[in-house]
N, C-alpha and C. Protein backbone atom coordinates (compact mmCIF):
# COMPACT_ATOMS: atom_id res chain seq x y z
N MET A 1 121.41 72.31 91.41
CA MET A 1 121.09 72.06 92.81
C MET A 1 121.31 70.59 93.13
N SER A 2 121.66 70.32 94.32
CA SER A 2 121.87 68.95 94.74
C SER A 2 120.55 68.30 95.16
N ASN A 3 120.58 66.99 95.30
CA ASN A 3 119.37 66.26 95.68
C ASN A 3 119.11 66.30 97.17
N SER A 4 120.09 66.70 97.94
CA SER A 4 119.89 66.74 99.39
C SER A 4 119.05 67.96 99.77
N ALA A 5 118.36 67.84 100.86
CA ALA A 5 117.51 68.93 101.32
C ALA A 5 118.37 70.05 101.89
N PRO A 6 118.00 71.30 101.63
CA PRO A 6 118.79 72.39 102.20
C PRO A 6 118.66 72.42 103.72
N THR A 7 119.73 72.85 104.36
CA THR A 7 119.71 72.88 105.81
C THR A 7 119.04 74.14 106.34
N ALA A 8 119.08 75.21 105.57
CA ALA A 8 118.49 76.47 106.03
C ALA A 8 117.09 76.64 105.44
N MET A 9 116.23 77.27 106.21
CA MET A 9 114.88 77.54 105.74
C MET A 9 114.94 78.62 104.65
N PRO A 10 114.19 78.44 103.56
CA PRO A 10 114.17 79.47 102.51
C PRO A 10 113.63 80.79 103.07
N LYS A 11 114.20 81.90 102.58
CA LYS A 11 113.83 83.22 103.09
C LYS A 11 112.37 83.55 102.83
N ARG A 12 111.84 83.12 101.68
CA ARG A 12 110.43 83.39 101.39
C ARG A 12 109.52 82.65 102.37
N LEU A 13 109.92 81.45 102.77
CA LEU A 13 109.14 80.69 103.75
C LEU A 13 109.24 81.35 105.12
N MET A 14 110.43 81.88 105.46
CA MET A 14 110.58 82.60 106.73
C MET A 14 109.67 83.83 106.76
N LEU A 15 109.63 84.56 105.65
CA LEU A 15 108.78 85.75 105.58
C LEU A 15 107.31 85.39 105.73
N LEU A 16 106.88 84.33 105.05
CA LEU A 16 105.49 83.92 105.14
C LEU A 16 105.13 83.45 106.55
N LEU A 17 105.99 82.67 107.16
CA LEU A 17 105.71 82.18 108.51
C LEU A 17 105.72 83.32 109.53
N ALA A 18 106.58 84.30 109.33
CA ALA A 18 106.58 85.47 110.22
C ALA A 18 105.29 86.26 110.06
N LEU A 19 104.84 86.43 108.82
CA LEU A 19 103.59 87.15 108.56
C LEU A 19 102.40 86.40 109.15
N LEU A 20 102.36 85.08 108.99
CA LEU A 20 101.27 84.30 109.57
C LEU A 20 101.31 84.35 111.10
N SER A 21 102.51 84.37 111.67
CA SER A 21 102.62 84.46 113.13
C SER A 21 102.11 85.79 113.64
N VAL A 22 102.42 86.88 112.94
CA VAL A 22 101.94 88.21 113.34
C VAL A 22 100.42 88.28 113.22
N LEU A 23 99.87 87.75 112.11
CA LEU A 23 98.41 87.74 111.95
C LEU A 23 97.73 86.90 113.03
N ALA A 24 98.31 85.74 113.34
CA ALA A 24 97.71 84.88 114.36
C ALA A 24 97.79 85.50 115.74
N THR A 25 98.90 86.16 116.03
CA THR A 25 99.03 86.83 117.33
C THR A 25 98.02 87.96 117.45
N GLY A 26 97.85 88.72 116.37
CA GLY A 26 96.85 89.80 116.38
C GLY A 26 95.44 89.28 116.52
N GLY A 27 95.14 88.17 115.83
CA GLY A 27 93.81 87.57 115.94
C GLY A 27 93.53 87.05 117.33
N LEU A 28 94.55 86.46 117.97
CA LEU A 28 94.37 85.99 119.34
C LEU A 28 94.24 87.15 120.31
N TRP A 29 95.00 88.21 120.07
CA TRP A 29 94.94 89.38 120.94
C TRP A 29 93.58 90.05 120.86
N LEU A 30 92.99 90.09 119.66
CA LEU A 30 91.65 90.67 119.50
C LEU A 30 90.54 89.72 119.91
N ASN A 31 90.91 88.46 120.19
CA ASN A 31 89.95 87.43 120.59
C ASN A 31 88.86 87.24 119.55
N TRP A 32 89.29 87.19 118.27
CA TRP A 32 88.36 86.98 117.17
C TRP A 32 88.74 85.67 116.50
N LEU A 33 87.86 84.69 116.55
CA LEU A 33 88.09 83.34 116.04
C LEU A 33 89.40 82.74 116.60
N PRO A 34 89.49 82.60 117.91
CA PRO A 34 90.76 82.14 118.49
C PRO A 34 91.17 80.73 118.05
N LEU A 35 90.21 79.85 117.77
CA LEU A 35 90.57 78.51 117.34
C LEU A 35 91.29 78.53 116.00
N LEU A 36 90.86 79.38 115.09
CA LEU A 36 91.52 79.51 113.79
C LEU A 36 92.97 79.93 113.96
N TRP A 37 93.20 80.91 114.83
CA TRP A 37 94.55 81.43 114.98
C TRP A 37 95.45 80.46 115.73
N VAL A 38 94.89 79.67 116.64
CA VAL A 38 95.69 78.63 117.29
C VAL A 38 96.12 77.58 116.26
N LEU A 39 95.21 77.24 115.36
CA LEU A 39 95.55 76.28 114.30
C LEU A 39 96.60 76.85 113.35
N VAL A 40 96.53 78.15 113.07
CA VAL A 40 97.55 78.77 112.23
C VAL A 40 98.90 78.74 112.92
N LEU A 41 98.92 78.98 114.22
CA LEU A 41 100.18 78.90 114.96
C LEU A 41 100.73 77.47 114.98
N LEU A 42 99.85 76.48 115.06
CA LEU A 42 100.30 75.09 114.97
C LEU A 42 100.85 74.77 113.59
N LEU A 43 100.26 75.37 112.56
CA LEU A 43 100.75 75.22 111.20
C LEU A 43 102.16 75.81 111.08
N VAL A 44 102.36 76.98 111.66
CA VAL A 44 103.68 77.62 111.65
C VAL A 44 104.68 76.74 112.38
N LEU A 45 104.29 76.19 113.51
CA LEU A 45 105.17 75.32 114.27
C LEU A 45 105.53 74.06 113.48
N GLY A 46 104.55 73.50 112.77
CA GLY A 46 104.81 72.33 111.93
C GLY A 46 105.76 72.64 110.79
N CYS A 47 105.64 73.82 110.21
CA CYS A 47 106.54 74.21 109.12
C CYS A 47 107.96 74.45 109.63
N VAL A 48 108.07 75.05 110.81
CA VAL A 48 109.40 75.27 111.39
C VAL A 48 110.06 73.93 111.72
N GLY A 49 109.26 72.96 112.14
CA GLY A 49 109.76 71.62 112.45
C GLY A 49 109.95 70.73 111.24
N ARG A 50 109.78 71.28 110.02
CA ARG A 50 109.98 70.56 108.75
C ARG A 50 109.07 69.35 108.61
N GLN A 51 107.85 69.46 109.10
CA GLN A 51 106.89 68.37 108.98
C GLN A 51 106.18 68.46 107.63
N LYS A 52 106.03 67.34 106.97
CA LYS A 52 105.36 67.30 105.67
C LYS A 52 103.90 67.74 105.81
N ALA A 53 103.28 67.44 106.93
CA ALA A 53 101.89 67.86 107.17
C ALA A 53 101.78 69.38 107.22
N GLY A 54 102.82 70.06 107.72
CA GLY A 54 102.82 71.52 107.73
C GLY A 54 102.79 72.09 106.33
N LEU A 55 103.55 71.49 105.41
CA LEU A 55 103.54 71.94 104.02
C LEU A 55 102.19 71.69 103.37
N MET A 56 101.60 70.54 103.63
CA MET A 56 100.29 70.24 103.03
C MET A 56 99.22 71.18 103.58
N LEU A 57 99.25 71.47 104.88
CA LEU A 57 98.29 72.40 105.45
C LEU A 57 98.51 73.82 104.96
N LEU A 58 99.76 74.19 104.70
CA LEU A 58 100.05 75.50 104.12
C LEU A 58 99.44 75.62 102.73
N ARG A 59 99.56 74.56 101.94
CA ARG A 59 98.94 74.55 100.61
C ARG A 59 97.42 74.61 100.71
N LEU A 60 96.85 73.85 101.63
CA LEU A 60 95.40 73.84 101.82
C LEU A 60 94.90 75.20 102.30
N LEU A 61 95.62 75.83 103.21
CA LEU A 61 95.24 77.15 103.70
C LEU A 61 95.26 78.17 102.57
N GLY A 62 96.25 78.10 101.72
CA GLY A 62 96.33 79.02 100.59
C GLY A 62 95.18 78.84 99.61
N MET A 63 94.85 77.59 99.30
CA MET A 63 93.76 77.34 98.34
C MET A 63 92.40 77.72 98.92
N ALA A 64 92.16 77.38 100.17
CA ALA A 64 90.87 77.71 100.80
C ALA A 64 90.72 79.22 100.97
N GLY A 65 91.79 79.88 101.38
CA GLY A 65 91.74 81.33 101.54
C GLY A 65 91.54 82.05 100.22
N LEU A 66 92.19 81.57 99.17
CA LEU A 66 92.02 82.18 97.85
C LEU A 66 90.59 82.03 97.37
N ALA A 67 90.00 80.85 97.58
CA ALA A 67 88.60 80.66 97.19
C ALA A 67 87.68 81.58 97.99
N LEU A 68 87.95 81.77 99.27
CA LEU A 68 87.13 82.65 100.10
C LEU A 68 87.23 84.10 99.64
N PHE A 69 88.46 84.57 99.44
CA PHE A 69 88.62 85.98 99.10
C PHE A 69 88.19 86.31 97.68
N ILE A 70 88.19 85.33 96.80
CA ILE A 70 87.69 85.59 95.44
C ILE A 70 86.17 85.72 95.46
N THR A 71 85.50 84.91 96.27
CA THR A 71 84.04 84.96 96.29
C THR A 71 83.47 85.99 97.26
N LEU A 72 84.28 86.55 98.12
CA LEU A 72 83.80 87.49 99.15
C LEU A 72 83.05 88.70 98.59
N PRO A 73 83.54 89.38 97.54
CA PRO A 73 82.80 90.56 97.07
C PRO A 73 81.46 90.23 96.43
N PHE A 74 81.27 89.00 96.01
CA PHE A 74 80.04 88.62 95.34
C PHE A 74 78.98 88.08 96.29
N MET A 75 79.25 88.12 97.58
CA MET A 75 78.31 87.59 98.57
C MET A 75 77.10 88.51 98.69
N PRO A 76 75.90 88.00 98.50
CA PRO A 76 74.71 88.86 98.63
C PRO A 76 74.46 89.23 100.10
N PRO A 77 73.84 90.37 100.34
CA PRO A 77 73.59 90.80 101.73
C PRO A 77 72.71 89.84 102.51
N GLN A 78 71.85 89.09 101.84
CA GLN A 78 70.97 88.16 102.54
C GLN A 78 71.76 87.04 103.21
N VAL A 79 72.84 86.63 102.60
CA VAL A 79 73.68 85.59 103.20
C VAL A 79 74.35 86.12 104.46
N ALA A 80 74.78 87.36 104.43
CA ALA A 80 75.44 87.95 105.58
C ALA A 80 74.50 88.08 106.77
N GLU A 81 73.23 88.32 106.52
CA GLU A 81 72.26 88.45 107.61
C GLU A 81 72.06 87.13 108.35
N GLN A 82 72.29 86.01 107.68
CA GLN A 82 72.13 84.71 108.33
C GLN A 82 73.23 84.47 109.37
N PHE A 83 74.37 85.13 109.21
CA PHE A 83 75.49 84.94 110.11
C PHE A 83 75.51 85.95 111.26
N ALA A 84 74.47 86.71 111.43
CA ALA A 84 74.47 87.78 112.43
C ALA A 84 74.60 87.26 113.86
N ASP A 85 74.10 86.07 114.13
CA ASP A 85 74.13 85.55 115.50
C ASP A 85 75.24 84.53 115.73
N THR A 86 76.08 84.28 114.74
CA THR A 86 77.15 83.31 114.91
C THR A 86 78.34 83.96 115.60
N PRO A 87 79.21 83.16 116.21
CA PRO A 87 80.37 83.74 116.89
C PRO A 87 81.34 84.44 115.94
N ALA A 88 81.42 83.98 114.70
CA ALA A 88 82.40 84.56 113.77
C ALA A 88 82.01 85.97 113.36
N GLN A 89 80.80 86.16 112.91
CA GLN A 89 80.23 87.43 112.50
C GLN A 89 81.03 88.16 111.43
N LEU A 90 81.92 87.48 110.71
CA LEU A 90 82.69 88.14 109.66
C LEU A 90 81.80 88.66 108.55
N PRO A 91 80.92 87.85 107.97
CA PRO A 91 80.08 88.41 106.91
C PRO A 91 79.18 89.53 107.42
N TYR A 92 78.74 89.43 108.67
CA TYR A 92 77.87 90.47 109.22
C TYR A 92 78.63 91.79 109.39
N ILE A 93 79.89 91.71 109.78
CA ILE A 93 80.71 92.91 109.92
C ILE A 93 80.95 93.56 108.56
N LEU A 94 81.12 92.74 107.54
CA LEU A 94 81.44 93.26 106.21
C LEU A 94 80.24 93.83 105.46
N THR A 95 79.03 93.70 106.00
CA THR A 95 77.86 94.18 105.27
C THR A 95 77.79 95.70 105.20
N GLY A 96 78.32 96.41 106.18
CA GLY A 96 78.23 97.86 106.19
C GLY A 96 79.30 98.54 105.35
N LEU A 97 80.20 97.78 104.75
CA LEU A 97 81.28 98.38 103.99
C LEU A 97 80.84 98.72 102.57
N SER A 98 81.50 99.71 102.00
CA SER A 98 81.19 100.07 100.62
C SER A 98 81.76 99.01 99.67
N SER A 99 81.33 99.06 98.44
CA SER A 99 81.77 98.09 97.45
C SER A 99 83.26 98.20 97.19
N THR A 100 83.77 99.42 97.15
CA THR A 100 85.20 99.62 96.91
C THR A 100 86.03 99.05 98.06
N THR A 101 85.61 99.28 99.28
CA THR A 101 86.33 98.75 100.43
C THR A 101 86.30 97.23 100.44
N MET A 102 85.17 96.67 100.08
CA MET A 102 85.05 95.21 100.02
C MET A 102 86.00 94.62 98.97
N TRP A 103 86.10 95.28 97.83
CA TRP A 103 87.00 94.81 96.79
C TRP A 103 88.46 94.95 97.22
N LEU A 104 88.80 96.01 97.96
CA LEU A 104 90.17 96.18 98.44
C LEU A 104 90.55 95.12 99.47
N ILE A 105 89.62 94.81 100.38
CA ILE A 105 89.86 93.76 101.36
C ILE A 105 90.03 92.42 100.66
N SER A 106 89.19 92.17 99.68
CA SER A 106 89.26 90.92 98.93
C SER A 106 90.57 90.82 98.14
N ALA A 107 91.00 91.92 97.55
CA ALA A 107 92.24 91.91 96.78
C ALA A 107 93.45 91.69 97.68
N ALA A 108 93.46 92.33 98.85
CA ALA A 108 94.58 92.15 99.79
C ALA A 108 94.64 90.71 100.29
N GLY A 109 93.49 90.14 100.62
CA GLY A 109 93.47 88.74 101.07
C GLY A 109 93.86 87.78 99.96
N ALA A 110 93.43 88.06 98.73
CA ALA A 110 93.79 87.20 97.60
C ALA A 110 95.29 87.28 97.31
N LEU A 111 95.88 88.47 97.47
CA LEU A 111 97.32 88.60 97.28
C LEU A 111 98.10 87.81 98.34
N LEU A 112 97.63 87.88 99.58
CA LEU A 112 98.28 87.11 100.65
C LEU A 112 98.18 85.61 100.37
N CYS A 113 97.01 85.17 99.95
CA CYS A 113 96.83 83.74 99.66
C CYS A 113 97.61 83.33 98.41
N GLY A 114 97.71 84.23 97.44
CA GLY A 114 98.52 83.94 96.26
C GLY A 114 99.99 83.80 96.63
N PHE A 115 100.48 84.67 97.51
CA PHE A 115 101.85 84.57 98.00
C PHE A 115 102.06 83.26 98.76
N THR A 116 101.06 82.89 99.55
CA THR A 116 101.13 81.62 100.29
C THR A 116 101.24 80.44 99.33
N LEU A 117 100.44 80.45 98.27
CA LEU A 117 100.49 79.36 97.30
C LEU A 117 101.81 79.35 96.55
N TRP A 118 102.31 80.54 96.21
CA TRP A 118 103.59 80.59 95.50
C TRP A 118 104.70 80.00 96.36
N VAL A 119 104.73 80.36 97.63
CA VAL A 119 105.75 79.83 98.53
C VAL A 119 105.57 78.33 98.72
N ALA A 120 104.33 77.89 98.90
CA ALA A 120 104.07 76.48 99.22
C ALA A 120 104.36 75.55 98.05
N PHE A 121 104.25 76.04 96.82
CA PHE A 121 104.43 75.16 95.67
C PHE A 121 105.77 75.33 94.96
N THR A 122 106.68 76.15 95.48
CA THR A 122 107.99 76.28 94.83
C THR A 122 108.87 75.09 95.16
N GLN A 123 109.82 74.84 94.29
CA GLN A 123 110.70 73.69 94.44
C GLN A 123 111.62 73.82 95.65
N ILE A 124 112.05 75.03 95.95
CA ILE A 124 112.95 75.24 97.10
C ILE A 124 112.24 74.87 98.41
N THR A 125 110.98 75.25 98.51
CA THR A 125 110.22 74.92 99.72
C THR A 125 109.98 73.42 99.81
N ALA A 126 109.68 72.79 98.68
CA ALA A 126 109.46 71.34 98.69
C ALA A 126 110.73 70.60 99.09
N GLN A 127 111.89 71.10 98.64
CA GLN A 127 113.15 70.46 99.03
C GLN A 127 113.44 70.65 100.51
N PHE A 128 113.01 71.77 101.07
CA PHE A 128 113.23 72.01 102.49
C PHE A 128 112.47 70.99 103.34
N PHE A 129 111.32 70.54 102.87
CA PHE A 129 110.50 69.61 103.65
C PHE A 129 110.83 68.15 103.36
N ARG A 130 111.75 67.87 102.43
CA ARG A 130 112.15 66.49 102.17
C ARG A 130 112.95 65.94 103.34
N PRO A 131 112.67 64.72 103.74
CA PRO A 131 113.44 64.16 104.87
C PRO A 131 114.90 63.93 104.47
N GLN A 132 115.79 64.14 105.40
CA GLN A 132 117.20 63.94 105.17
C GLN A 132 117.61 62.56 105.66
N MET A 133 118.43 61.90 104.85
CA MET A 133 118.96 60.60 105.24
C MET A 133 120.40 60.81 105.67
N ARG A 134 120.63 60.78 106.94
CA ARG A 134 121.98 60.94 107.47
C ARG A 134 122.39 59.66 108.19
N PHE A 135 123.53 59.18 107.81
CA PHE A 135 124.03 57.97 108.44
C PHE A 135 125.18 58.26 109.41
N ASN A 136 125.56 59.51 109.54
CA ASN A 136 126.61 59.89 110.45
C ASN A 136 126.01 60.09 111.85
N ILE A 137 126.29 59.24 112.77
CA ILE A 137 125.70 59.26 114.08
C ILE A 137 126.25 60.42 114.91
N LEU A 138 127.53 60.71 114.77
CA LEU A 138 128.17 61.73 115.60
C LEU A 138 127.95 63.14 115.09
N GLY A 139 127.69 63.36 113.81
CA GLY A 139 127.64 64.71 113.28
C GLY A 139 126.36 65.24 112.92
């Protein structure tokens, strides 16, 4: 591979950004944690614009999400009751689910976050976000 940054976005990054865009659009449409989904859309916009901050936020989102989904099945019901009056109400919604369903939700979220981390830390993605030094003014 050459040292110059690739001009085309890697396909795995395109797939991840499309998936995050669909999730954010659905979250906004359902009006559930709209600030989170607006920030995810800004993250997608930053990644499309080849901003280094977009890559760092993508890595941070993957790590934070993985930590959340790994610990989610082990959350005691008493903790969920404390969140009953908050706007998010995610732990409160998850209290009525069976243990198997909770583990499936956690596994699906952990797989998504694992895919996010894999994409964010690959060399092809890092090369895509490297700034290009072009001295040709006309081209």
